Amino acid sequence: MIDSASAHDGVGNLFDIAALDTRAEQFTPLVEAKNLKIERIVSAGQASPPGFWYDQDLAEWVLVLAGSAALRFEGEAHPRVLHPGDWLLIPAKQKHRVEWTDKSGATIWLAVHFS
C-alpha cells in the first residue's frame, strides 16, 4: 500500500517552500511504500560535514528542480555539478557527499530511494 505523507489529500506543490525554515535542510516525504521513498529536499547553502560520506542501503535517483548543487562520489577528484533538470543515479552503498548547494537561493531536489 502506498502512503502519501506530504498532504492528507495526496496533493501538493514541490515549489511551495515559503513556510520552510531554510536554516536547516528540509526533507519532506511525498510517497512511501515497500522499498520505495520519494521525497522533496530543500537545501539553502548546506553541505555534508567535512569528512562525512553518505553510505545508503537503497539506490537514490536525484533530480535538481531549482538551484544548483555539487555531489561527489568517493574516489572522484571533482564533484558533479547539477543544475535544474540535471539528474543523477547514486547506486546503493556508493559513498557520496554533497560538496555544496546554492547559497543565493533554495535548491529543490526530487529524490527517489529504491531497491
PDB file of N, CA and C in Angstrom:
ATOM      1  N   MET A   1       0.839  -1.189   0.000  1.00  0.00           N
ATOM      2  CA  MET A   1       0.000   0.000   0.000  1.00  0.00           C
ATOM      3  C   MET A   1       0.876   1.242   0.000  1.00  0.00           C
ATOM      4  N   ILE A   2       0.499   2.225  -0.734  1.00  0.00           N
ATOM      5  CA  ILE A   2       1.247   3.473  -0.819  1.00  0.00           C
ATOM      6  C   ILE A   2       0.659   4.468   0.159  1.00  0.00           C
ATOM      7  N   ASP A   3       1.549   5.159   0.873  1.00  0.00           N
ATOM      8  CA  ASP A   3       1.147   6.149   1.863  1.00  0.00           C
ATOM      9  C   ASP A   3       1.705   7.499   1.437  1.00  0.00           C
ATOM     10  N   SER A   4       0.855   8.491   1.270  1.00  0.00           N
ATOM     11  CA  SER A   4       1.307   9.832   0.946  1.00  0.00           C
ATOM     12  C   SER A   4       1.404  10.628   2.229  1.00  0.00           C
ATOM     13  N   ALA A   5       2.618  11.041   2.576  1.00  0.00           N
ATOM     14  CA  ALA A   5       2.828  11.724   3.841  1.00  0.00           C
ATOM     15  C   ALA A   5       2.874  13.244   3.699  1.00  0.00           C
ATOM     16  N   SER A   6       2.847  13.748   2.473  1.00  0.00           N
ATOM     17  CA  SER A   6       3.005  15.188   2.299  1.00  0.00           C
ATOM     18  C   SER A   6       1.726  15.960   2.577  1.00  0.00           C
ATOM     19  N   ALA A   7       0.600  15.367   2.268  1.00  0.00           N
ATOM     20  CA  ALA A   7      -0.681  16.039   2.477  1.00  0.00           C
ATOM     21  C   ALA A   7      -1.748  14.972   2.672  1.00  0.00           C
ATOM     22  N   HIS A   8      -2.755  15.305   3.453  1.00  0.00           N
ATOM     23  CA  HIS A   8      -3.807  14.333   3.721  1.00  0.00           C
ATOM     24  C   HIS A   8      -4.564  13.941   2.473  1.00  0.00           C
ATOM     25  N   ASP A   9      -4.663  14.835   1.506  1.00  0.00           N
ATOM     26  CA  ASP A   9      -5.404  14.517   0.287  1.00  0.00           C
ATOM     27  C   ASP A   9      -4.499  14.055  -0.848  1.00  0.00           C
ATOM     28  N   GLY A  10      -3.185  13.886  -0.577  1.00  0.00           N
ATOM     29  CA  GLY A  10      -2.272  13.392  -1.599  1.00  0.00           C
ATOM     30  C   GLY A  10      -1.935  14.397  -2.672  1.00  0.00           C
ATOM     31  N   VAL A  11      -2.084  15.681  -2.373  1.00  0.00           N
ATOM     32  CA  VAL A  11      -1.812  16.737  -3.342  1.00  0.00           C
ATOM     33  C   VAL A  11      -0.849  17.735  -2.728  1.00  0.00           C
ATOM     34  N   GLY A  12       0.056  18.258  -3.526  1.00  0.00           N
ATOM     35  CA  GLY A  12       0.982  19.273  -3.035  1.00  0.00           C
ATOM     36  C   GLY A  12       1.677  19.944  -4.198  1.00  0.00           C
ATOM     37  N   ASN A  13       2.588  20.863  -3.887  1.00  0.00           N
ATOM     38  CA  ASN A  13       3.355  21.572  -4.898  1.00  0.00           C
ATOM     39  C   ASN A  13       4.811  21.536  -4.473  1.00  0.00           C
ATOM     40  N   LEU A  14       5.675  20.984  -5.309  1.00  0.00           N
ATOM     41  CA  LEU A  14       7.087  20.841  -4.981  1.00  0.00           C
ATOM     42  C   LEU A  14       7.796  22.181  -4.786  1.00  0.00           C
ATOM     43  N   PHE A  15       7.250  23.253  -5.371  1.00  0.00           N
ATOM     44  CA  PHE A  15       7.884  24.558  -5.292  1.00  0.00           C
ATOM     45  C   PHE A  15       7.338  25.424  -4.159  1.00  0.00           C
ATOM     46  N   ASP A  16       6.382  24.923  -3.401  1.00  0.00           N
ATOM     47  CA  ASP A  16       5.801  25.666  -2.285  1.00  0.00           C
ATOM     48  C   ASP A  16       6.706  25.536  -1.064  1.00  0.00           C
ATOM     49  N   ILE A  17       7.628  26.480  -0.915  1.00  0.00           N
ATOM     50  CA  ILE A  17       8.614  26.418   0.171  1.00  0.00           C
ATOM     51  C   ILE A  17       8.563  27.652   1.062  1.00  0.00           C
ATOM     52  N   ALA A  18       7.593  28.526   0.864  1.00  0.00           N
ATOM     53  CA  ALA A  18       7.544  29.803   1.582  1.00  0.00           C
ATOM     54  C   ALA A  18       7.550  29.621   3.101  1.00  0.00           C
ATOM     55  N   ALA A  19       6.910  28.586   3.617  1.00  0.00           N
ATOM     56  CA  ALA A  19       6.795  28.402   5.066  1.00  0.00           C
ATOM     57  C   ALA A  19       7.978  27.636   5.670  1.00  0.00           C
ATOM     58  N   LEU A  20       8.934  27.202   4.855  1.00  0.00           N
ATOM     59  CA  LEU A  20      10.044  26.400   5.366  1.00  0.00           C
ATOM     60  C   LEU A  20      11.119  27.257   6.023  1.00  0.00           C
ATOM     61  N   ASP A  21      11.710  26.729   7.069  1.00  0.00           N
ATOM     62  CA  ASP A  21      12.878  27.338   7.697  1.00  0.00           C
ATOM     63  C   ASP A  21      14.106  26.767   6.999  1.00  0.00           C
ATOM     64  N   THR A  22      14.723  27.536   6.121  1.00  0.00           N
ATOM     65  CA  THR A  22      15.820  27.026   5.310  1.00  0.00           C
ATOM     66  C   THR A  22      17.185  27.142   6.001  1.00  0.00           C
ATOM     67  N   ARG A  23      17.185  27.460   7.307  1.00  0.00           N
ATOM     68  CA  ARG A  23      18.463  27.444   8.028  1.00  0.00           C
ATOM     69  C   ARG A  23      18.985  26.022   8.162  1.00  0.00           C
ATOM     70  N   ALA A  24      18.088  25.042   8.032  1.00  0.00           N
ATOM     71  CA  ALA A  24      18.457  23.628   8.020  1.00  0.00           C
ATOM     72  C   ALA A  24      17.860  23.001   6.770  1.00  0.00           C
ATOM     73  N   GLU A  25      18.519  21.994   6.242  1.00  0.00           N
ATOM     74  CA  GLU A  25      17.996  21.281   5.086  1.00  0.00           C
ATOM     75  C   GLU A  25      16.671  20.623   5.468  1.00  0.00           C
ATOM     76  N   GLN A  26      15.700  20.676   4.568  1.00  0.00           N
ATOM     77  CA  GLN A  26      14.357  20.170   4.844  1.00  0.00           C
ATOM     78  C   GLN A  26      14.053  18.954   3.971  1.00  0.00           C
ATOM     79  N   PHE A  27      13.594  17.874   4.602  1.00  0.00           N
ATOM     80  CA  PHE A  27      13.237  16.637   3.906  1.00  0.00           C
ATOM     81  C   PHE A  27      11.742  16.410   4.092  1.00  0.00           C
ATOM     82  N   THR A  28      11.000  16.316   2.994  1.00  0.00           N
ATOM     83  CA  THR A  28       9.555  16.098   3.055  1.00  0.00           C
ATOM     84  C   THR A  28       9.213  14.815   2.308  1.00  0.00           C
ATOM     85  N   PRO A  29       8.796  13.771   3.033  1.00  0.00           N
ATOM     86  CA  PRO A  29       8.373  12.543   2.341  1.00  0.00           C
ATOM     87  C   PRO A  29       7.102  12.811   1.537  1.00  0.00           C
ATOM     88  N   LEU A  30       7.061  12.342   0.302  1.00  0.00           N
ATOM     89  CA  LEU A  30       5.893  12.518  -0.564  1.00  0.00           C
ATOM     90  C   LEU A  30       5.127  11.212  -0.721  1.00  0.00           C
ATOM     91  N   VAL A  31       5.870  10.136  -0.943  1.00  0.00           N
ATOM     92  CA  VAL A  31       5.279   8.806  -1.099  1.00  0.00           C
ATOM     93  C   VAL A  31       6.226   7.798  -0.463  1.00  0.00           C
ATOM     94  N   GLU A  32       5.649   6.870   0.307  1.00  0.00           N
ATOM     95  CA  GLU A  32       6.449   5.788   0.874  1.00  0.00           C
ATOM     96  C   GLU A  32       5.713   4.475   0.658  1.00  0.00           C
ATOM     97  N   ALA A  33       6.465   3.479   0.220  1.00  0.00           N
ATOM     98  CA  ALA A  33       5.940   2.131   0.025  1.00  0.00           C
ATOM     99  C   ALA A  33       7.095   1.173   0.293  1.00  0.00           C
ATOM    100  N   LYS A  34       6.824  -0.097   0.240  1.00  0.00           N
ATOM    101  CA  LYS A  34       7.883  -1.078   0.470  1.00  0.00           C
ATOM    102  C   LYS A  34       9.004  -0.856  -0.547  1.00  0.00           C
ATOM    103  N   ASN A  35      10.219  -0.664  -0.054  1.00  0.00           N
ATOM    104  CA  ASN A  35      11.412  -0.475  -0.883  1.00  0.00           C
ATOM    105  C   ASN A  35      11.363   0.746  -1.796  1.00  0.00           C
ATOM    106  N   LEU A  36      10.543   1.749  -1.428  1.00  0.00           N
ATOM    107  CA  LEU A  36      10.449   2.973  -2.229  1.00  0.00           C
ATOM    108  C   LEU A  36      10.124   4.152  -1.323  1.00  0.00           C
ATOM    109  N   LYS A  37      10.867   5.232  -1.513  1.00  0.00           N
ATOM    110  CA  LYS A  37      10.535   6.501  -0.854  1.00  0.00           C
ATOM    111  C   LYS A  37      10.818   7.610  -1.848  1.00  0.00           C
ATOM    112  N   ILE A  38       9.840   8.491  -2.021  1.00  0.00           N
ATOM    113  CA  ILE A  38      10.013   9.678  -2.858  1.00  0.00           C
ATOM    114  C   ILE A  38       9.914  10.867  -1.925  1.00  0.00           C
ATOM    115  N   GLU A  39      10.913  11.743  -1.979  1.00  0.00           N
ATOM    116  CA  GLU A  39      10.910  12.897  -1.082  1.00  0.00           C
ATOM    117  C   GLU A  39      11.379  14.144  -1.804  1.00  0.00           C
ATOM    118  N   ARG A  40      10.932  15.274  -1.252  1.00  0.00           N
ATOM    119  CA  ARG A  40      11.440  16.575  -1.696  1.00  0.00           C
ATOM    120  C   ARG A  40      12.483  16.992  -0.672  1.00  0.00           C
ATOM    121  N   ILE A  41      13.602  17.475  -1.157  1.00  0.00           N
ATOM    122  CA  ILE A  41      14.655  18.009  -0.291  1.00  0.00           C
ATOM    123  C   ILE A  41      14.846  19.466  -0.683  1.00  0.00           C
ATOM    124  N   VAL A  42      14.890  20.342   0.318  1.00  0.00           N
ATOM    125  CA  VAL A  42      15.150  21.757   0.062  1.00  0.00           C
ATOM    126  C   VAL A  42      16.423  22.125   0.820  1.00  0.00           C
ATOM    127  N   SER A  43      17.417  22.589   0.068  1.00  0.00           N
ATOM    128  CA  SER A  43      18.704  22.995   0.622  1.00  0.00           C
ATOM    129  C   SER A  43      18.919  24.468   0.333  1.00  0.00           C
ATOM    130  N   ALA A  44      19.625  25.130   1.231  1.00  0.00           N
ATOM    131  CA  ALA A  44      19.941  26.549   1.022  1.00  0.00           C
ATOM    132  C   ALA A  44      21.339  26.811   1.567  1.00  0.00           C
ATOM    133  N   GLY A  45      22.329  26.359   0.809  1.00  0.00           N
ATOM    134  CA  GLY A  45      23.711  26.561   1.216  1.00  0.00           C
ATOM    135  C   GLY A  45      24.281  25.441   2.062  1.00  0.00           C
ATOM    136  N   GLN A  46      23.492  24.418   2.371  1.00  0.00           N
ATOM    137  CA  GLN A  46      24.003  23.327   3.187  1.00  0.00           C
ATOM    138  C   GLN A  46      24.922  22.415   2.369  1.00  0.00           C
ATOM    139  N   ALA A  47      25.772  21.673   3.090  1.00  0.00           N
ATOM    140  CA  ALA A  47      26.682  20.697   2.501  1.00  0.00           C
ATOM    141  C   ALA A  47      26.913  19.601   3.528  1.00  0.00           C
ATOM    142  N   SER A  48      27.468  18.492   3.076  1.00  0.00           N
ATOM    143  CA  SER A  48      27.826  17.423   4.006  1.00  0.00           C
ATOM    144  C   SER A  48      28.933  17.928   4.928  1.00  0.00           C
ATOM    145  N   PRO A  49      28.928  17.508   6.190  1.00  0.00           N
ATOM    146  CA  PRO A  49      30.010  17.912   7.100  1.00  0.00           C
ATOM    147  C   PRO A  49      31.360  17.417   6.575  1.00  0.00           C
ATOM    148  N   PRO A  50      32.447  18.123   6.894  1.00  0.00           N
ATOM    149  CA  PRO A  50      33.776  17.691   6.441  1.00  0.00           C
ATOM    150  C   PRO A  50      34.044  16.236   6.842  1.00  0.00           C
ATOM    151  N   GLY A  51      34.515  15.462   5.870  1.00  0.00           N
ATOM    152  CA  GLY A  51      34.860  14.070   6.127  1.00  0.00           C
ATOM    153  C   GLY A  51      33.682  13.104   6.155  1.00  0.00           C
ATOM    154  N   PHE A  52      32.441  13.609   6.048  1.00  0.00           N
ATOM    155  CA  PHE A  52      31.266  12.748   6.102  1.00  0.00           C
ATOM    156  C   PHE A  52      30.909  12.238   4.712  1.00  0.00           C
ATOM    157  N   TRP A  53      30.581  10.955   4.625  1.00  0.00           N
ATOM    158  CA  TRP A  53      30.137  10.334   3.378  1.00  0.00           C
ATOM    159  C   TRP A  53      28.837   9.591   3.636  1.00  0.00           C
ATOM    160  N   TYR A  54      27.830   9.827   2.785  1.00  0.00           N
ATOM    161  CA  TYR A  54      26.613   9.017   2.840  1.00  0.00           C
ATOM    162  C   TYR A  54      26.968   7.618   2.329  1.00  0.00           C
ATOM    163  N   ASP A  55      26.386   6.599   2.949  1.00  0.00           N
ATOM    164  CA  ASP A  55      26.580   5.205   2.558  1.00  0.00           C
ATOM    165  C   ASP A  55      25.230   4.519   2.760  1.00  0.00           C
ATOM    166  N   GLN A  56      24.362   4.620   1.756  1.00  0.00           N
ATOM    167  CA  GLN A  56      22.959   4.230   1.891  1.00  0.00           C
ATOM    168  C   GLN A  56      22.715   2.814   1.384  1.00  0.00           C
ATOM    169  N   ASP A  57      21.769   2.128   2.036  1.00  0.00           N
ATOM    170  CA  ASP A  57      21.402   0.770   1.635  1.00  0.00           C
ATOM    171  C   ASP A  57      20.551   0.746   0.374  1.00  0.00           C
ATOM    172  N   LEU A  58      19.837   1.834   0.096  1.00  0.00           N
ATOM    173  CA  LEU A  58      18.997   1.916  -1.095  1.00  0.00           C
ATOM    174  C   LEU A  58      19.670   2.772  -2.162  1.00  0.00           C
ATOM    175  N   ALA A  59      19.381   2.477  -3.420  1.00  0.00           N
ATOM    176  CA  ALA A  59      19.809   3.354  -4.515  1.00  0.00           C
ATOM    177  C   ALA A  59      19.005   4.649  -4.411  1.00  0.00           C
ATOM    178  N   GLU A  60      19.558   5.724  -4.941  1.00  0.00           N
ATOM    179  CA  GLU A  60      18.862   7.015  -4.914  1.00  0.00           C
ATOM    180  C   GLU A  60      19.027   7.695  -6.264  1.00  0.00           C
ATOM    181  N   TRP A  61      17.895   8.106  -6.836  1.00  0.00           N
ATOM    182  CA  TRP A  61      17.877   8.893  -8.067  1.00  0.00           C
ATOM    183  C   TRP A  61      17.478  10.296  -7.654  1.00  0.00           C
ATOM    184  N   VAL A  62      18.328  11.291  -7.976  1.00  0.00           N
ATOM    185  CA  VAL A  62      18.019  12.671  -7.595  1.00  0.00           C
ATOM    186  C   VAL A  62      17.905  13.539  -8.843  1.00  0.00           C
ATOM    187  N   LEU A  63      16.981  14.494  -8.758  1.00  0.00           N
ATOM    188  CA  LEU A  63      16.743  15.466  -9.826  1.00  0.00           C
ATOM    189  C   LEU A  63      16.744  16.843  -9.183  1.00  0.00           C
ATOM    190  N   VAL A  64      17.538  17.761  -9.721  1.00  0.00           N
ATOM    191  CA  VAL A  64      17.522  19.142  -9.248  1.00  0.00           C
ATOM    192  C   VAL A  64      16.444  19.883 -10.029  1.00  0.00           C
ATOM    193  N   LEU A  65      15.474  20.420  -9.284  1.00  0.00           N
ATOM    194  CA  LEU A  65      14.371  21.166  -9.891  1.00  0.00           C
ATOM    195  C   LEU A  65      14.658  22.665  -9.931  1.00  0.00           C
ATOM    196  N   ALA A  66      15.371  23.158  -8.923  1.00  0.00           N
ATOM    197  CA  ALA A  66      15.706  24.591  -8.833  1.00  0.00           C
ATOM    198  C   ALA A  66      17.022  24.707  -8.083  1.00  0.00           C
ATOM    199  N   GLY A  67      17.753  25.778  -8.346  1.00  0.00           N
ATOM    200  CA  GLY A  67      19.027  25.989  -7.671  1.00  0.00           C
ATOM    201  C   GLY A  67      20.137  25.172  -8.313  1.00  0.00           C
ATOM    202  N   SER A  68      21.160  24.879  -7.527  1.00  0.00           N
ATOM    203  CA  SER A  68      22.279  24.083  -8.023  1.00  0.00           C
ATOM    204  C   SER A  68      22.985  23.437  -6.841  1.00  0.00           C
ATOM    205  N   ALA A  69      23.772  22.412  -7.146  1.00  0.00           N
ATOM    206  CA  ALA A  69      24.479  21.670  -6.107  1.00  0.00           C
ATOM    207  C   ALA A  69      25.627  20.907  -6.746  1.00  0.00           C
ATOM    208  N   ALA A  70      26.528  20.439  -5.900  1.00  0.00           N
ATOM    209  CA  ALA A  70      27.624  19.592  -6.363  1.00  0.00           C
ATOM    210  C   ALA A  70      27.691  18.354  -5.480  1.00  0.00           C
ATOM    211  N   LEU A  71      27.669  17.185  -6.111  1.00  0.00           N
ATOM    212  CA  LEU A  71      27.810  15.909  -5.420  1.00  0.00           C
ATOM    213  C   LEU A  71      29.112  15.256  -5.857  1.00  0.00           C
ATOM    214  N   ARG A  72      29.732  14.572  -4.920  1.00  0.00           N
ATOM    215  CA  ARG A  72      30.975  13.878  -5.249  1.00  0.00           C
ATOM    216  C   ARG A  72      30.892  12.449  -4.762  1.00  0.00           C
ATOM    217  N   PHE A  73      31.302  11.517  -5.613  1.00  0.00           N
ATOM    218  CA  PHE A  73      31.412  10.122  -5.238  1.00  0.00           C
ATOM    219  C   PHE A  73      32.810   9.884  -4.669  1.00  0.00           C
ATOM    220  N   GLU A  74      32.893   8.987  -3.709  1.00  0.00           N
ATOM    221  CA  GLU A  74      34.199   8.625  -3.140  1.00  0.00           C
ATOM    222  C   GLU A  74      35.109   8.146  -4.265  1.00  0.00           C
ATOM    223  N   GLY A  75      36.344   8.619  -4.260  1.00  0.00           N
ATOM    224  CA  GLY A  75      37.315   8.236  -5.277  1.00  0.00           C
ATOM    225  C   GLY A  75      37.368   9.173  -6.467  1.00  0.00           C
ATOM    226  N   GLU A  76      36.406  10.076  -6.583  1.00  0.00           N
ATOM    227  CA  GLU A  76      36.427  11.040  -7.679  1.00  0.00           C
ATOM    228  C   GLU A  76      37.150  12.310  -7.239  1.00  0.00           C
ATOM    229  N   ALA A  77      37.947  12.851  -8.119  1.00  0.00           N
ATOM    230  CA  ALA A  77      38.709  14.055  -7.799  1.00  0.00           C
ATOM    231  C   ALA A  77      37.844  15.312  -7.793  1.00  0.00           C
ATOM    232  N   HIS A  78      36.816  15.337  -8.642  1.00  0.00           N
ATOM    233  CA  HIS A  78      35.998  16.537  -8.789  1.00  0.00           C
ATOM    234  C   HIS A  78      34.522  16.212  -8.595  1.00  0.00           C
ATOM    235  N   PRO A  79      33.784  17.156  -8.020  1.00  0.00           N
ATOM    236  CA  PRO A  79      32.346  16.925  -7.848  1.00  0.00           C
ATOM    237  C   PRO A  79      31.598  17.063  -9.171  1.00  0.00           C
ATOM    238  N   ARG A  80      30.401  16.524  -9.178  1.00  0.00           N
ATOM    239  CA  ARG A  80      29.498  16.646 -10.322  1.00  0.00           C
ATOM    240  C   ARG A  80      28.534  17.782 -10.011  1.00  0.00           C
ATOM    241  N   VAL A  81      28.569  18.830 -10.803  1.00  0.00           N
ATOM    242  CA  VAL A  81      27.724  19.997 -10.581  1.00  0.00           C
ATOM    243  C   VAL A  81      26.382  19.767 -11.283  1.00  0.00           C
ATOM    244  N   LEU A  82      25.309  19.979 -10.525  1.00  0.00           N
ATOM    245  CA  LEU A  82      23.958  19.763 -11.031  1.00  0.00           C
ATOM    246  C   LEU A  82      23.190  21.079 -11.057  1.00  0.00           C
ATOM    247  N   HIS A  83      22.474  21.309 -12.145  1.00  0.00           N
ATOM    248  CA  HIS A  83      21.631  22.488 -12.343  1.00  0.00           C
ATOM    249  C   HIS A  83      20.197  22.014 -12.595  1.00  0.00           C
ATOM    250  N   PRO A  84      19.219  22.925 -12.646  1.00  0.00           N
ATOM    251  CA  PRO A  84      17.838  22.497 -12.883  1.00  0.00           C
ATOM    252  C   PRO A  84      17.717  21.583 -14.110  1.00  0.00           C
ATOM    253  N   GLY A  85      17.044  20.464 -13.885  1.00  0.00           N
ATOM    254  CA  GLY A  85      16.863  19.474 -14.935  1.00  0.00           C
ATOM    255  C   GLY A  85      17.888  18.355 -14.913  1.00  0.00           C
ATOM    256  N   ASP A  86      19.009  18.557 -14.231  1.00  0.00           N
ATOM    257  CA  ASP A  86      20.047  17.523 -14.156  1.00  0.00           C
ATOM    258  C   ASP A  86      19.660  16.469 -13.127  1.00  0.00           C
ATOM    259  N   TRP A  87      19.888  15.205 -13.470  1.00  0.00           N
ATOM    260  CA  TRP A  87      19.616  14.114 -12.547  1.00  0.00           C
ATOM    261  C   TRP A  87      20.832  13.223 -12.453  1.00  0.00           C
ATOM    262  N   LEU A  88      20.850  12.427 -11.389  1.00  0.00           N
ATOM    263  CA  LEU A  88      21.999  11.570 -11.107  1.00  0.00           C
ATOM    264  C   LEU A  88      21.509  10.332 -10.382  1.00  0.00           C
ATOM    265  N   LEU A  89      22.019   9.169 -10.771  1.00  0.00           N
ATOM    266  CA  LEU A  89      21.717   7.924 -10.078  1.00  0.00           C
ATOM    267  C   LEU A  89      22.869   7.609  -9.137  1.00  0.00           C
ATOM    268  N   ILE A  90      22.529   7.385  -7.874  1.00  0.00           N
ATOM    269  CA  ILE A  90      23.515   7.028  -6.861  1.00  0.00           C
ATOM    270  C   ILE A  90      23.253   5.569  -6.496  1.00  0.00           C
ATOM    271  N   PRO A  91      24.106   4.656  -6.922  1.00  0.00           N
ATOM    272  CA  PRO A  91      23.879   3.249  -6.593  1.00  0.00           C
ATOM    273  C   PRO A  91      23.900   3.010  -5.083  1.00  0.00           C
ATOM    274  N   ALA A  92      23.190   1.968  -4.658  1.00  0.00           N
ATOM    275  CA  ALA A  92      23.213   1.586  -3.245  1.00  0.00           C
ATOM    276  C   ALA A  92      24.660   1.331  -2.817  1.00  0.00           C
ATOM    277  N   LYS A  93      24.994   1.749  -1.612  1.00  0.00           N
ATOM    278  CA  LYS A  93      26.311   1.567  -0.991  1.00  0.00           C
ATOM    279  C   LYS A  93      27.426   2.367  -1.662  1.00  0.00           C
ATOM    280  N   GLN A  94      27.098   3.248  -2.603  1.00  0.00           N
ATOM    281  CA  GLN A  94      28.099   4.122  -3.229  1.00  0.00           C
ATOM    282  C   GLN A  94      28.299   5.322  -2.320  1.00  0.00           C
ATOM    283  N   LYS A  95      29.467   5.431  -1.722  1.00  0.00           N
ATOM    284  CA  LYS A  95      29.721   6.558  -0.826  1.00  0.00           C
ATOM    285  C   LYS A  95      29.734   7.851  -1.634  1.00  0.00           C
ATOM    286  N   HIS A  96      29.037   8.850  -1.092  1.00  0.00           N
ATOM    287  CA  HIS A  96      28.915  10.138  -1.773  1.00  0.00           C
ATOM    288  C   HIS A  96      28.690  11.238  -0.738  1.00  0.00           C
ATOM    289  N   ARG A  97      28.867  12.456  -1.186  1.00  0.00           N
ATOM    290  CA  ARG A  97      28.667  13.606  -0.306  1.00  0.00           C
ATOM    291  C   ARG A  97      28.182  14.801  -1.115  1.00  0.00           C
ATOM    292  N   VAL A  98      27.530  15.723  -0.428  1.00  0.00           N
ATOM    293  CA  VAL A  98      27.114  16.977  -1.039  1.00  0.00           C
ATOM    294  C   VAL A  98      28.214  17.992  -0.738  1.00  0.00           C
ATOM    295  N   GLU A  99      28.907  18.427  -1.770  1.00  0.00           N
ATOM    296  CA  GLU A  99      30.009  19.380  -1.590  1.00  0.00           C
ATOM    297  C   GLU A  99      29.479  20.780  -1.293  1.00  0.00           C
ATOM    298  N   TRP A 100      28.416  21.175  -1.988  1.00  0.00           N
ATOM    299  CA  TRP A 100      27.800  22.485  -1.748  1.00  0.00           C
ATOM    300  C   TRP A 100      26.416  22.522  -2.380  1.00  0.00           C
ATOM    301  N   THR A 101      25.593  23.417  -1.869  1.00  0.00           N
ATOM    302  CA  THR A 101      24.331  23.767  -2.516  1.00  0.00           C
ATOM    303  C   THR A 101      24.295  25.289  -2.638  1.00  0.00           C
ATOM    304  N   ASP A 102      23.507  25.760  -3.559  1.00  0.00           N
ATOM    305  CA  ASP A 102      23.409  27.183  -3.883  1.00  0.00           C
ATOM    306  C   ASP A 102      23.121  28.009  -2.628  1.00  0.00           C
ATOM    307  N   LYS A 103      23.945  29.002  -2.360  1.00  0.00           N
ATOM    308  CA  LYS A 103      23.753  29.888  -1.200  1.00  0.00           C
ATOM    309  C   LYS A 103      22.863  31.084  -1.524  1.00  0.00           C
ATOM    310  N   SER A 104      22.602  31.327  -2.825  1.00  0.00           N
ATOM    311  CA  SER A 104      21.837  32.515  -3.203  1.00  0.00           C
ATOM    312  C   SER A 104      20.331  32.254  -3.255  1.00  0.00           C
ATOM    313  N   GLY A 105      19.939  31.003  -3.098  1.00  0.00           N
ATOM    314  CA  GLY A 105      18.519  30.656  -3.125  1.00  0.00           C
ATOM    315  C   GLY A 105      18.345  29.185  -2.841  1.00  0.00           C
ATOM    316  N   ALA A 106      17.122  28.749  -2.830  1.00  0.00           N
ATOM    317  CA  ALA A 106      16.836  27.356  -2.500  1.00  0.00           C
ATOM    318  C   ALA A 106      17.200  26.418  -3.647  1.00  0.00           C
ATOM    319  N   THR A 107      17.786  25.286  -3.282  1.00  0.00           N
ATOM    320  CA  THR A 107      17.950  24.178  -4.204  1.00  0.00           C
ATOM    321  C   THR A 107      16.863  23.174  -3.858  1.00  0.00           C
ATOM    322  N   ILE A 108      16.014  22.883  -4.820  1.00  0.00           N
ATOM    323  CA  ILE A 108      14.910  21.939  -4.610  1.00  0.00           C
ATOM    324  C   ILE A 108      15.232  20.671  -5.378  1.00  0.00           C
ATOM    325  N   TRP A 109      15.253  19.570  -4.636  1.00  0.00           N
ATOM    326  CA  TRP A 109      15.563  18.250  -5.194  1.00  0.00           C
ATOM    327  C   TRP A 109      14.310  17.377  -5.148  1.00  0.00           C
ATOM    328  N   LEU A 110      14.211  16.462  -6.093  1.00  0.00           N
ATOM    329  CA  LEU A 110      13.277  15.360  -6.004  1.00  0.00           C
ATOM    330  C   LEU A 110      14.152  14.119  -5.892  1.00  0.00           C
ATOM    331  N   ALA A 111      13.984  13.351  -4.817  1.00  0.00           N
ATOM    332  CA  ALA A 111      14.800  12.167  -4.571  1.00  0.00           C
ATOM    333  C   ALA A 111      13.918  10.930  -4.522  1.00  0.00           C
ATOM    334  N   VAL A 112      14.337   9.909  -5.244  1.00  0.00           N
ATOM    335  CA  VAL A 112      13.625   8.628  -5.258  1.00  0.00           C
ATOM    336  C   VAL A 112      14.597   7.582  -4.734  1.00  0.00           C
ATOM    337  N   HIS A 113      14.255   6.996  -3.583  1.00  0.00           N
ATOM    338  CA  HIS A 113      15.061   5.943  -2.972  1.00  0.00           C
ATOM    339  C   HIS A 113      14.377   4.611  -3.278  1.00  0.00           C
ATOM    340  N   PHE A 114      15.143   3.614  -3.751  1.00  0.00           N
ATOM    341  CA  PHE A 114      14.539   2.334  -4.133  1.00  0.00           C
ATOM    342  C   PHE A 114      15.556   1.217  -4.040  1.00  0.00           C
ATOM    343  N   SER A 115      15.044  -0.017  -4.006  1.00  0.00           N
ATOM    344  CA  SER A 115      15.957  -1.167  -4.009  1.00  0.00           C
ATOM    345  C   SER A 115      15.862  -1.905  -5.320  1.00  0.00           C
TER     346      SER A 115
END
